[in-house]
Amino acid sequence: MNLPVEDEYHCNKRHLALVTVIFLLIIIPTPVWCLNVTYIVLSHQLSYPQFEIEQYLNKAADTIHYYTGLNTEINIRIILHPDSLSFNNHAFPSWSAAVYRKGEIHLRNPYLLLKKGIFKNILSHELFHAVVHQNGLFLPQWFEEGFAYFLFPTSIPKLNDKRYDADFFKLESLEFYNNSYIMVKKLMREKSQKEIRDFFLFCQEVGFYSALSQFSQVSAY
């Protein structure tokens, strides 16, 4: 029995809608990240920009996976410190804006970091450390820090003359970060996304220094 014209029209529209949905599911890639984030605020008076944090984390996870191929389906805790006193009480460097430690990203007051215009890359930088560690990937500190700065550029505090700065640990640390970034930038110069990703995947298989040896040989050609 033939359907009435009106029913055929609505039936065709439903079929078209179903086909469209299936088509979109096929052509639009599913996000490679699936972060499970827990927020811990160390002051009942501190609110936090959850929407911006989640937006930055998702974009950073996409970028990290794109360049490294590492699994970004990880669990992290975001610890939000209301002020410098709270941050420094955890024995973090006084000049640092954020620190990753054992599955936790500790952040200074997020509104202060937003005001300075560094919040996005600072958070993304620490997420890179979280992804590396939770993938069980062992990288030397100089490369891990250097690549984090390479992937998410942030301004490293300028070095002062050591003769006039009493905080020698700070100066040594900042010099290390600067040198690490320079070495990684030189190493990754003119490398394609595929070459960088293959390097990270090879690190997982044979270890960093074996992968680096092969990567350097390829660079020579």
Protein backbone atom coordinates (compact mmCIF):
# COMPACT_ATOMS: atom_id res chain seq x y z
CA MET A 1 0.00 0.00 0.00
CA ASN A 2 1.37 3.41 -0.97
CA LEU A 3 1.85 6.02 1.72
CA PRO A 4 0.01 9.31 1.39
CA VAL A 5 2.11 12.02 -0.22
CA GLU A 6 2.48 13.91 3.06
CA ASP A 7 3.76 10.82 4.89
CA GLU A 8 6.23 10.03 2.11
CA TYR A 9 7.62 13.55 2.40
CA HIS A 10 8.18 13.30 6.17
CA CYS A 11 9.57 9.79 5.81
CA ASN A 12 12.10 11.01 3.25
CA LYS A 13 13.11 13.88 5.55
CA ARG A 14 13.77 11.43 8.38
CA HIS A 15 15.89 9.25 6.10
CA LEU A 16 17.84 12.30 4.93
CA ALA A 17 18.43 13.41 8.51
CA LEU A 18 19.67 9.92 9.47
CA VAL A 19 22.02 9.78 6.50
CA THR A 20 23.35 13.25 7.35
CA VAL A 21 24.10 12.24 10.95
CA ILE A 22 25.92 9.08 9.84
CA PHE A 23 27.90 11.08 7.27
CA LEU A 24 28.97 13.63 9.87
CA LEU A 25 30.03 10.91 12.30
CA ILE A 26 32.24 9.46 9.58
CA ILE A 27 33.91 12.64 8.36
CA ILE A 28 34.29 14.48 11.67
CA PRO A 29 37.12 12.97 13.73
CA THR A 30 36.30 11.98 17.28
CA PRO A 31 38.38 13.99 19.78
CA VAL A 32 41.50 12.09 20.78
CA TRP A 33 41.42 13.51 24.27
CA CYS A 34 39.21 12.45 27.10
CA LEU A 35 40.52 14.25 30.17
CA ASN A 36 39.13 13.43 33.58
CA VAL A 37 39.73 16.60 35.59
CA THR A 38 39.12 17.15 39.30
CA TYR A 39 39.31 20.69 40.68
CA ILE A 40 40.54 21.43 44.19
CA VAL A 41 40.28 25.03 45.37
CA LEU A 42 42.42 25.82 48.40
CA SER A 43 40.24 28.71 49.52
CA HIS A 44 36.47 28.95 49.78
CA GLN A 45 36.79 32.58 48.66
CA LEU A 46 38.47 31.72 45.35
CA SER A 47 36.27 31.08 42.34
CA TYR A 48 37.91 29.83 39.16
CA PRO A 49 37.27 30.12 35.41
CA GLN A 50 36.32 26.49 34.79
CA PHE A 51 35.14 27.09 31.22
CA GLU A 52 38.46 28.67 30.19
CA ILE A 53 40.47 25.98 31.98
CA GLU A 54 38.62 23.14 30.25
CA GLN A 55 38.83 24.91 26.88
CA TYR A 56 42.59 25.37 27.23
CA LEU A 57 43.12 21.80 28.43
CA ASN A 58 41.16 20.32 25.53
CA LYS A 59 43.04 22.37 22.94
CA ALA A 60 46.36 21.50 24.56
CA ALA A 61 45.50 17.79 24.63
CA ASP A 62 44.70 17.95 20.92
CA THR A 63 48.03 19.64 20.20
CA ILE A 64 50.01 17.19 22.33
CA HIS A 65 48.42 14.18 20.67
CA TYR A 66 48.89 15.67 17.21
CA TYR A 67 52.64 16.15 17.67
CA THR A 68 53.50 13.19 19.90
CA GLY A 69 50.86 10.50 19.36
CA LEU A 70 50.76 10.02 23.13
CA ASN A 71 47.55 8.96 24.84
CA THR A 72 45.85 12.00 26.36
CA GLU A 73 43.07 10.08 28.12
CA ILE A 74 44.47 10.80 31.55
CA ASN A 75 43.29 11.69 35.06
CA ILE A 76 44.55 14.93 36.54
CA ARG A 77 43.78 17.15 39.50
CA ILE A 78 43.94 20.92 39.17
CA ILE A 79 44.99 22.49 42.48
CA LEU A 80 44.12 26.20 42.55
CA HIS A 81 46.11 28.32 45.01
CA PRO A 82 44.55 31.62 46.09
CA ASP A 83 47.84 33.46 46.70
CA SER A 84 51.63 33.23 46.76
CA LEU A 85 51.69 32.13 50.40
CA SER A 86 49.62 29.04 49.65
CA PHE A 87 51.75 28.23 46.59
CA ASN A 88 55.06 28.72 48.38
CA ASN A 89 53.91 26.64 51.37
CA HIS A 90 54.06 23.62 49.04
CA ALA A 91 57.77 24.30 48.53
CA PHE A 92 57.30 25.40 44.91
CA PRO A 93 59.74 27.95 43.44
CA SER A 94 58.71 31.52 44.19
CA TRP A 95 59.21 32.53 40.55
CA SER A 96 57.16 29.63 39.08
CA ALA A 97 53.57 30.15 37.87
CA ALA A 98 52.60 26.46 37.93
CA VAL A 99 54.03 23.05 38.77
CA TYR A 100 53.14 19.48 37.80
CA ARG A 101 53.64 16.91 40.54
CA LYS A 102 52.34 13.33 40.81
CA GLY A 103 49.14 13.68 38.81
CA GLU A 104 48.45 17.22 40.02
CA ILE A 105 48.82 20.58 38.31
CA HIS A 106 49.32 23.30 40.93
CA LEU A 107 48.38 26.77 39.70
CA ARG A 108 48.80 30.19 41.16
CA ASN A 109 45.66 32.32 41.26
CA PRO A 110 44.21 31.73 37.74
CA TYR A 111 42.85 35.27 37.44
CA LEU A 112 46.33 36.67 38.03
CA LEU A 113 47.73 34.40 35.30
CA LEU A 114 44.90 35.41 32.95
CA LYS A 115 45.63 39.06 33.61
CA LYS A 116 49.28 38.51 32.71
CA GLY A 117 48.25 36.73 29.50
CA ILE A 118 50.18 33.54 30.31
CA PHE A 119 47.46 31.27 31.69
CA LYS A 120 46.77 29.29 28.51
CA ASN A 121 50.35 28.31 27.73
CA ILE A 122 51.31 27.80 31.38
CA LEU A 123 48.45 25.33 31.83
CA SER A 124 49.20 23.64 28.50
CA HIS A 125 52.89 23.35 29.43
CA GLU A 126 52.04 21.52 32.65
CA LEU A 127 49.55 19.28 30.86
CA PHE A 128 52.38 18.13 28.60
CA HIS A 129 54.30 16.99 31.68
CA ALA A 130 51.21 15.15 32.92
CA VAL A 131 50.71 13.35 29.61
CA VAL A 132 54.38 12.33 29.38
CA HIS A 133 54.44 10.94 32.93
CA GLN A 134 51.08 9.16 32.73
CA ASN A 135 52.15 7.49 29.50
CA GLY A 136 55.13 6.05 31.38
CA LEU A 137 57.52 7.82 29.01
CA PHE A 138 60.94 8.53 30.50
CA LEU A 139 62.51 11.65 29.02
CA PRO A 140 65.57 13.50 30.31
CA GLN A 141 64.54 16.67 32.08
CA TRP A 142 66.28 18.97 29.59
CA PHE A 143 64.28 17.51 26.70
CA GLU A 144 60.95 17.37 28.53
CA GLU A 145 61.20 20.97 29.68
CA GLY A 146 62.60 22.17 26.38
CA PHE A 147 59.90 20.49 24.33
CA ALA A 148 57.16 21.82 26.62
CA TYR A 149 58.46 25.34 25.95
CA PHE A 150 58.83 24.51 22.25
CA LEU A 151 55.23 23.31 21.99
CA PHE A 152 53.70 25.98 24.23
CA PRO A 153 55.94 29.05 24.19
CA THR A 154 55.98 31.01 27.41
CA SER A 155 58.33 33.77 28.42
CA ILE A 156 61.09 32.43 30.64
CA PRO A 157 62.01 35.06 33.28
CA LYS A 158 65.11 36.96 32.27
CA LEU A 159 68.38 36.05 33.89
CA ASN A 160 70.06 38.69 36.02
CA ASP A 161 73.74 38.96 36.75
CA LYS A 162 74.60 36.21 39.22
CA ARG A 163 76.83 38.59 41.15
CA TYR A 164 73.82 40.66 42.18
CA ASP A 165 71.15 38.03 42.74
CA ALA A 166 71.21 36.06 45.98
CA ASP A 167 68.85 33.36 44.68
CA PHE A 168 71.43 31.19 42.93
CA PHE A 169 69.00 28.27 42.66
CA LYS A 170 66.60 30.46 40.70
CA LEU A 171 69.36 31.61 38.35
CA GLU A 172 70.65 28.09 37.77
CA SER A 173 67.12 26.84 37.09
CA LEU A 174 66.26 29.60 34.65
CA GLU A 175 69.55 29.09 32.84
CA PHE A 176 68.72 25.38 32.57
CA TYR A 177 65.26 26.13 31.11
CA ASN A 178 66.72 28.58 28.60
CA ASN A 179 69.40 26.13 27.46
CA SER A 180 66.88 23.28 27.27
CA TYR A 181 64.59 25.29 25.03
CA ILE A 182 67.48 26.30 22.76
CA MET A 183 68.65 22.68 22.40
CA VAL A 184 65.17 21.34 21.63
CA LYS A 185 64.44 24.17 19.19
CA LYS A 186 67.66 23.36 17.34
CA LEU A 187 66.87 19.64 17.37
CA MET A 188 63.34 20.13 16.01
CA ARG A 189 64.31 22.72 13.40
CA GLU A 190 62.57 22.03 10.07
CA LYS A 191 61.08 18.78 11.34
CA SER A 192 57.62 17.80 10.11
CA GLN A 193 54.76 16.83 12.39
CA LYS A 194 55.14 13.20 11.26
CA GLU A 195 58.87 13.14 12.05
CA ILE A 196 58.25 14.53 15.54
CA ARG A 197 55.43 12.08 16.21
CA ASP A 198 57.51 9.13 14.97
CA PHE A 199 60.30 10.21 17.31
CA PHE A 200 58.01 10.14 20.35
CA LEU A 201 56.51 6.80 19.41
CA PHE A 202 60.02 5.40 18.91
CA CYS A 203 60.96 6.73 22.36
CA GLN A 204 58.21 4.52 23.79
CA GLU A 205 59.59 1.50 21.98
CA VAL A 206 63.36 1.76 22.43
CA GLY A 207 63.95 4.58 24.92
CA PHE A 208 64.90 8.20 24.48
CA TYR A 209 68.60 8.00 23.64
CA SER A 210 68.21 5.20 21.07
CA ALA A 211 65.41 7.15 19.42
CA LEU A 212 67.48 10.33 19.56
CA SER A 213 70.40 8.61 17.87
CA GLN A 214 68.23 7.53 14.94
CA PHE A 215 66.48 10.91 14.85
CA SER A 216 69.83 12.70 14.64
CA GLN A 217 70.99 10.44 11.81
CA VAL A 218 67.85 11.25 9.86
CA SER A 219 68.45 14.94 10.55
CA ALA A 220 71.88 14.72 8.98
CA TYR A 221 70.50 13.83 5.53
